PDB file of N, CA and C in Angstrom:
ATOM      1  N   UNK A   1      -6.950  18.647   8.878  1.00  0.00           N
ATOM      2  CA  UNK A   1      -6.189  17.494   8.454  1.00  0.00           C
ATOM      3  C   UNK A   1      -5.632  16.791   9.688  1.00  0.00           C
ATOM      4  N   UNK A   2      -5.826  15.484   9.748  1.00  0.00           N
ATOM      5  CA  UNK A   2      -5.317  14.696  10.867  1.00  0.00           C
ATOM      6  C   UNK A   2      -4.084  13.928  10.442  1.00  0.00           C
ATOM      7  N   UNK A   3      -3.155  13.783  11.373  1.00  0.00           N
ATOM      8  CA  UNK A   3      -1.990  12.947  11.140  1.00  0.00           C
ATOM      9  C   UNK A   3      -2.292  11.552  11.648  1.00  0.00           C
ATOM     10  N   UNK A   4      -1.720  10.564  10.992  1.00  0.00           N
ATOM     11  CA  UNK A   4      -1.904   9.189  11.429  1.00  0.00           C
ATOM     12  C   UNK A   4      -0.575   8.473  11.310  1.00  0.00           C
ATOM     13  N   UNK A   5      -0.196   7.785  12.342  1.00  0.00           N
ATOM     14  CA  UNK A   5       1.029   7.005  12.349  1.00  0.00           C
ATOM     15  C   UNK A   5       0.752   5.646  11.727  1.00  0.00           C
ATOM     16  N   UNK A   6       1.498   5.300  10.683  1.00  0.00           N
ATOM     17  CA  UNK A   6       1.338   4.006  10.033  1.00  0.00           C
ATOM     18  C   UNK A   6       2.499   3.103  10.410  1.00  0.00           C
ATOM     19  N   UNK A   7       2.197   1.862  10.687  1.00  0.00           N
ATOM     20  CA  UNK A   7       3.208   0.875  11.024  1.00  0.00           C
ATOM     21  C   UNK A   7       3.467  -0.014   9.810  1.00  0.00           C
ATOM     22  N   UNK A   8       4.509  -0.824   9.885  1.00  0.00           N
ATOM     23  CA  UNK A   8       4.864  -1.657   8.746  1.00  0.00           C
ATOM     24  C   UNK A   8       3.718  -2.558   8.295  1.00  0.00           C
ATOM     25  N   UNK A   9       2.971  -3.115   9.228  1.00  0.00           N
ATOM     26  CA  UNK A   9       1.832  -3.965   8.852  1.00  0.00           C
ATOM     27  C   UNK A   9       0.727  -3.156   8.174  1.00  0.00           C
ATOM     28  N   UNK A  10       0.577  -1.887   8.537  1.00  0.00           N
ATOM     29  CA  UNK A  10      -0.398  -1.017   7.869  1.00  0.00           C
ATOM     30  C   UNK A  10      -0.027  -0.829   6.401  1.00  0.00           C
ATOM     31  N   UNK A  11       1.261  -0.605   6.152  1.00  0.00           N
ATOM     32  CA  UNK A  11       1.717  -0.441   4.768  1.00  0.00           C
ATOM     33  C   UNK A  11       1.489  -1.717   3.971  1.00  0.00           C
ATOM     34  N   UNK A  12       1.783  -2.867   4.561  1.00  0.00           N
ATOM     35  CA  UNK A  12       1.560  -4.140   3.865  1.00  0.00           C
ATOM     36  C   UNK A  12       0.088  -4.310   3.511  1.00  0.00           C
ATOM     37  N   UNK A  13      -0.793  -3.990   4.437  1.00  0.00           N
ATOM     38  CA  UNK A  13      -2.226  -4.122   4.183  1.00  0.00           C
ATOM     39  C   UNK A  13      -2.690  -3.154   3.086  1.00  0.00           C
ATOM     40  N   UNK A  14      -2.261  -1.915   3.152  1.00  0.00           N
ATOM     41  CA  UNK A  14      -2.645  -0.937   2.134  1.00  0.00           C
ATOM     42  C   UNK A  14      -2.130  -1.330   0.754  1.00  0.00           C
ATOM     43  N   UNK A  15      -0.893  -1.811   0.685  1.00  0.00           N
ATOM     44  CA  UNK A  15      -0.344  -2.245  -0.600  1.00  0.00           C
ATOM     45  C   UNK A  15      -1.077  -3.472  -1.129  1.00  0.00           C
ATOM     46  N   UNK A  16      -1.450  -4.376  -0.251  1.00  0.00           N
ATOM     47  CA  UNK A  16      -2.217  -5.545  -0.655  1.00  0.00           C
ATOM     48  C   UNK A  16      -3.571  -5.129  -1.226  1.00  0.00           C
ATOM     49  N   UNK A  17      -4.228  -4.189  -0.582  1.00  0.00           N
ATOM     50  CA  UNK A  17      -5.514  -3.687  -1.067  1.00  0.00           C
ATOM     51  C   UNK A  17      -5.371  -2.997  -2.428  1.00  0.00           C
ATOM     52  N   UNK A  18      -4.189  -2.454  -2.697  1.00  0.00           N
ATOM     53  CA  UNK A  18      -3.939  -1.776  -3.969  1.00  0.00           C
ATOM     54  C   UNK A  18      -3.510  -2.753  -5.066  1.00  0.00           C
ATOM     55  N   UNK A  19      -3.399  -4.048  -4.721  1.00  0.00           N
ATOM     56  CA  UNK A  19      -3.095  -5.047  -5.732  1.00  0.00           C
ATOM     57  C   UNK A  19      -1.670  -5.566  -5.720  1.00  0.00           C
ATOM     58  N   UNK A  20      -0.839  -5.106  -4.804  1.00  0.00           N
ATOM     59  CA  UNK A  20       0.530  -5.606  -4.717  1.00  0.00           C
ATOM     60  C   UNK A  20       0.514  -6.939  -3.978  1.00  0.00           C
ATOM     61  N   UNK A  21       1.274  -7.916  -4.489  1.00  0.00           N
ATOM     62  CA  UNK A  21       1.254  -9.245  -3.894  1.00  0.00           C
ATOM     63  C   UNK A  21       2.555  -9.600  -3.186  1.00  0.00           C
ATOM     64  N   UNK A  22       3.654  -9.010  -3.592  1.00  0.00           N
ATOM     65  CA  UNK A  22       4.959  -9.324  -3.005  1.00  0.00           C
ATOM     66  C   UNK A  22       5.523  -8.048  -2.390  1.00  0.00           C
ATOM     67  N   UNK A  23       5.456  -7.953  -1.068  1.00  0.00           N
ATOM     68  CA  UNK A  23       5.877  -6.743  -0.370  1.00  0.00           C
ATOM     69  C   UNK A  23       6.982  -7.074   0.618  1.00  0.00           C
ATOM     70  N   UNK A  24       8.080  -6.326   0.540  1.00  0.00           N
ATOM     71  CA  UNK A  24       9.195  -6.485   1.477  1.00  0.00           C
ATOM     72  C   UNK A  24       9.457  -5.141   2.145  1.00  0.00           C
ATOM     73  N   UNK A  25       9.708  -5.182   3.438  1.00  0.00           N
ATOM     74  CA  UNK A  25       9.972  -3.960   4.194  1.00  0.00           C
ATOM     75  C   UNK A  25      11.345  -4.072   4.832  1.00  0.00           C
ATOM     76  N   UNK A  26      12.156  -3.045   4.617  1.00  0.00           N
ATOM     77  CA  UNK A  26      13.525  -3.033   5.114  1.00  0.00           C
ATOM     78  C   UNK A  26      13.756  -1.816   6.002  1.00  0.00           C
ATOM     79  N   UNK A  27      14.815  -1.894   6.788  1.00  0.00           N
ATOM     80  CA  UNK A  27      15.159  -0.795   7.685  1.00  0.00           C
ATOM     81  C   UNK A  27      16.227   0.138   7.142  1.00  0.00           C
ATOM     82  N   UNK A  28      16.822  -0.229   5.995  1.00  0.00           N
ATOM     83  CA  UNK A  28      17.822   0.638   5.372  1.00  0.00           C
ATOM     84  C   UNK A  28      18.021   0.220   3.917  1.00  0.00           C
ATOM     85  N   UNK A  29      18.937   0.915   3.240  1.00  0.00           N
ATOM     86  CA  UNK A  29      19.130   0.676   1.811  1.00  0.00           C
ATOM     87  C   UNK A  29      19.934  -0.583   1.505  1.00  0.00           C
ATOM     88  N   UNK A  30      20.499  -1.227   2.521  1.00  0.00           N
ATOM     89  CA  UNK A  30      21.192  -2.489   2.277  1.00  0.00           C
ATOM     90  C   UNK A  30      20.310  -3.682   2.649  1.00  0.00           C
ATOM     91  N   UNK A  31      19.029  -3.425   2.776  1.00  0.00           N
ATOM     92  CA  UNK A  31      17.987  -4.433   3.003  1.00  0.00           C
ATOM     93  C   UNK A  31      18.097  -5.144   4.351  1.00  0.00           C
ATOM     94  N   UNK A  32      18.515  -4.420   5.369  1.00  0.00           N
ATOM     95  CA  UNK A  32      18.485  -4.973   6.722  1.00  0.00           C
ATOM     96  C   UNK A  32      17.036  -5.040   7.178  1.00  0.00           C
ATOM     97  N   UNK A  33      16.722  -5.977   8.065  1.00  0.00           N
ATOM     98  CA  UNK A  33      15.342  -6.072   8.551  1.00  0.00           C
ATOM     99  C   UNK A  33      14.883  -4.773   9.215  1.00  0.00           C
ATOM    100  N   UNK A  34      13.618  -4.465   9.038  1.00  0.00           N
ATOM    101  CA  UNK A  34      13.031  -3.286   9.686  1.00  0.00           C
ATOM    102  C   UNK A  34      12.764  -3.622  11.145  1.00  0.00           C
ATOM    103  N   UNK A  35      13.221  -2.765  12.042  1.00  0.00           N
ATOM    104  CA  UNK A  35      12.968  -2.925  13.472  1.00  0.00           C
ATOM    105  C   UNK A  35      12.502  -1.586  14.029  1.00  0.00           C
ATOM    106  N   UNK A  36      12.101  -1.578  15.274  1.00  0.00           N
ATOM    107  CA  UNK A  36      11.654  -0.313  15.874  1.00  0.00           C
ATOM    108  C   UNK A  36      12.797   0.682  16.016  1.00  0.00           C
ATOM    109  N   UNK A  37      14.044   0.222  15.912  1.00  0.00           N
ATOM    110  CA  UNK A  37      15.199   1.104  15.987  1.00  0.00           C
ATOM    111  C   UNK A  37      15.658   1.612  14.625  1.00  0.00           C
ATOM    112  N   UNK A  38      15.048   1.126  13.542  1.00  0.00           N
ATOM    113  CA  UNK A  38      15.440   1.543  12.197  1.00  0.00           C
ATOM    114  C   UNK A  38      15.179   3.023  11.995  1.00  0.00           C
ATOM    115  N   UNK A  39      16.096   3.678  11.304  1.00  0.00           N
ATOM    116  CA  UNK A  39      15.926   5.099  11.016  1.00  0.00           C
ATOM    117  C   UNK A  39      15.101   5.329   9.760  1.00  0.00           C
ATOM    118  N   UNK A  40      14.952   4.292   8.947  1.00  0.00           N
ATOM    119  CA  UNK A  40      14.181   4.396   7.709  1.00  0.00           C
ATOM    120  C   UNK A  40      13.225   3.213   7.588  1.00  0.00           C
ATOM    121  N   UNK A  41      12.234   3.390   6.750  1.00  0.00           N
ATOM    122  CA  UNK A  41      11.331   2.302   6.387  1.00  0.00           C
ATOM    123  C   UNK A  41      11.322   2.268   4.862  1.00  0.00           C
ATOM    124  N   UNK A  42      11.941   1.242   4.286  1.00  0.00           N
ATOM    125  CA  UNK A  42      12.061   1.105   2.839  1.00  0.00           C
ATOM    126  C   UNK A  42      11.109  -0.001   2.406  1.00  0.00           C
ATOM    127  N   UNK A  43      10.260   0.274   1.420  1.00  0.00           N
ATOM    128  CA  UNK A  43       9.294  -0.712   0.948  1.00  0.00           C
ATOM    129  C   UNK A  43       9.570  -1.035  -0.513  1.00  0.00           C
ATOM    130  N   UNK A  44       9.659  -2.336  -0.805  1.00  0.00           N
ATOM    131  CA  UNK A  44       9.756  -2.804  -2.184  1.00  0.00           C
ATOM    132  C   UNK A  44       8.530  -3.685  -2.429  1.00  0.00           C
ATOM    133  N   UNK A  45       7.794  -3.383  -3.493  1.00  0.00           N
ATOM    134  CA  UNK A  45       6.559  -4.131  -3.757  1.00  0.00           C
ATOM    135  C   UNK A  45       6.382  -4.374  -5.240  1.00  0.00           C
ATOM    136  N   UNK A  46       5.775  -5.507  -5.566  1.00  0.00           N
ATOM    137  CA  UNK A  46       5.441  -5.852  -6.957  1.00  0.00           C
ATOM    138  C   UNK A  46       3.943  -5.924  -7.102  1.00  0.00           C
TER     139      UNK A  46
END
Protein backbone atom coordinates (compact mmCIF):
# COMPACT_ATOMS: atom_id res chain seq x y z
CA UNK A 1 0.00 0.00 0.00
CA UNK A 2 1.35 3.41 -0.98
CA UNK A 3 0.65 6.67 0.76
CA UNK A 4 -0.18 9.72 -1.30
CA UNK A 5 -0.35 13.31 -0.16
CA UNK A 6 -3.45 15.07 -1.47
CA UNK A 7 -3.68 18.83 -1.75
CA UNK A 8 -6.80 20.97 -1.69
CA UNK A 9 -6.95 21.13 -5.49
CA UNK A 10 -6.72 17.31 -5.62
CA UNK A 11 -9.78 17.05 -3.40
CA UNK A 12 -11.68 19.54 -5.56
CA UNK A 13 -10.85 17.55 -8.69
CA UNK A 14 -11.81 14.20 -7.14
CA UNK A 15 -15.10 15.61 -5.83
CA UNK A 16 -15.85 17.12 -9.24
CA UNK A 17 -15.24 13.74 -10.89
CA UNK A 18 -17.66 12.21 -8.36
CA UNK A 19 -20.39 14.65 -9.42
CA UNK A 20 -20.09 17.39 -6.80
CA UNK A 21 -20.47 20.86 -8.29
CA UNK A 22 -20.16 23.24 -5.33
CA UNK A 23 -17.05 22.58 -3.25
CA UNK A 24 -15.68 24.78 -0.46
CA UNK A 25 -12.49 24.12 1.46
CA UNK A 26 -11.84 25.64 4.86
CA UNK A 27 -8.99 25.62 7.34
CA UNK A 28 -11.13 25.23 10.46
CA UNK A 29 -14.67 24.79 11.75
CA UNK A 30 -15.43 28.52 11.64
CA UNK A 31 -14.87 28.50 7.86
CA UNK A 32 -11.57 30.37 7.78
CA UNK A 33 -9.72 30.08 4.47
CA UNK A 34 -7.52 27.01 4.08
CA UNK A 35 -3.82 27.90 4.04
CA UNK A 36 -0.60 25.92 4.30
CA UNK A 37 -0.58 26.80 8.02
CA UNK A 38 -4.07 25.39 8.66
CA UNK A 39 -4.23 22.53 11.12
CA UNK A 40 -7.32 21.07 9.46
CA UNK A 41 -8.79 20.71 6.00
CA UNK A 42 -12.59 20.91 6.11
CA UNK A 43 -14.53 20.20 2.90
CA UNK A 44 -18.16 21.08 2.26
CA UNK A 45 -19.59 19.86 -1.04
CA UNK A 46 -22.97 19.56 -2.77
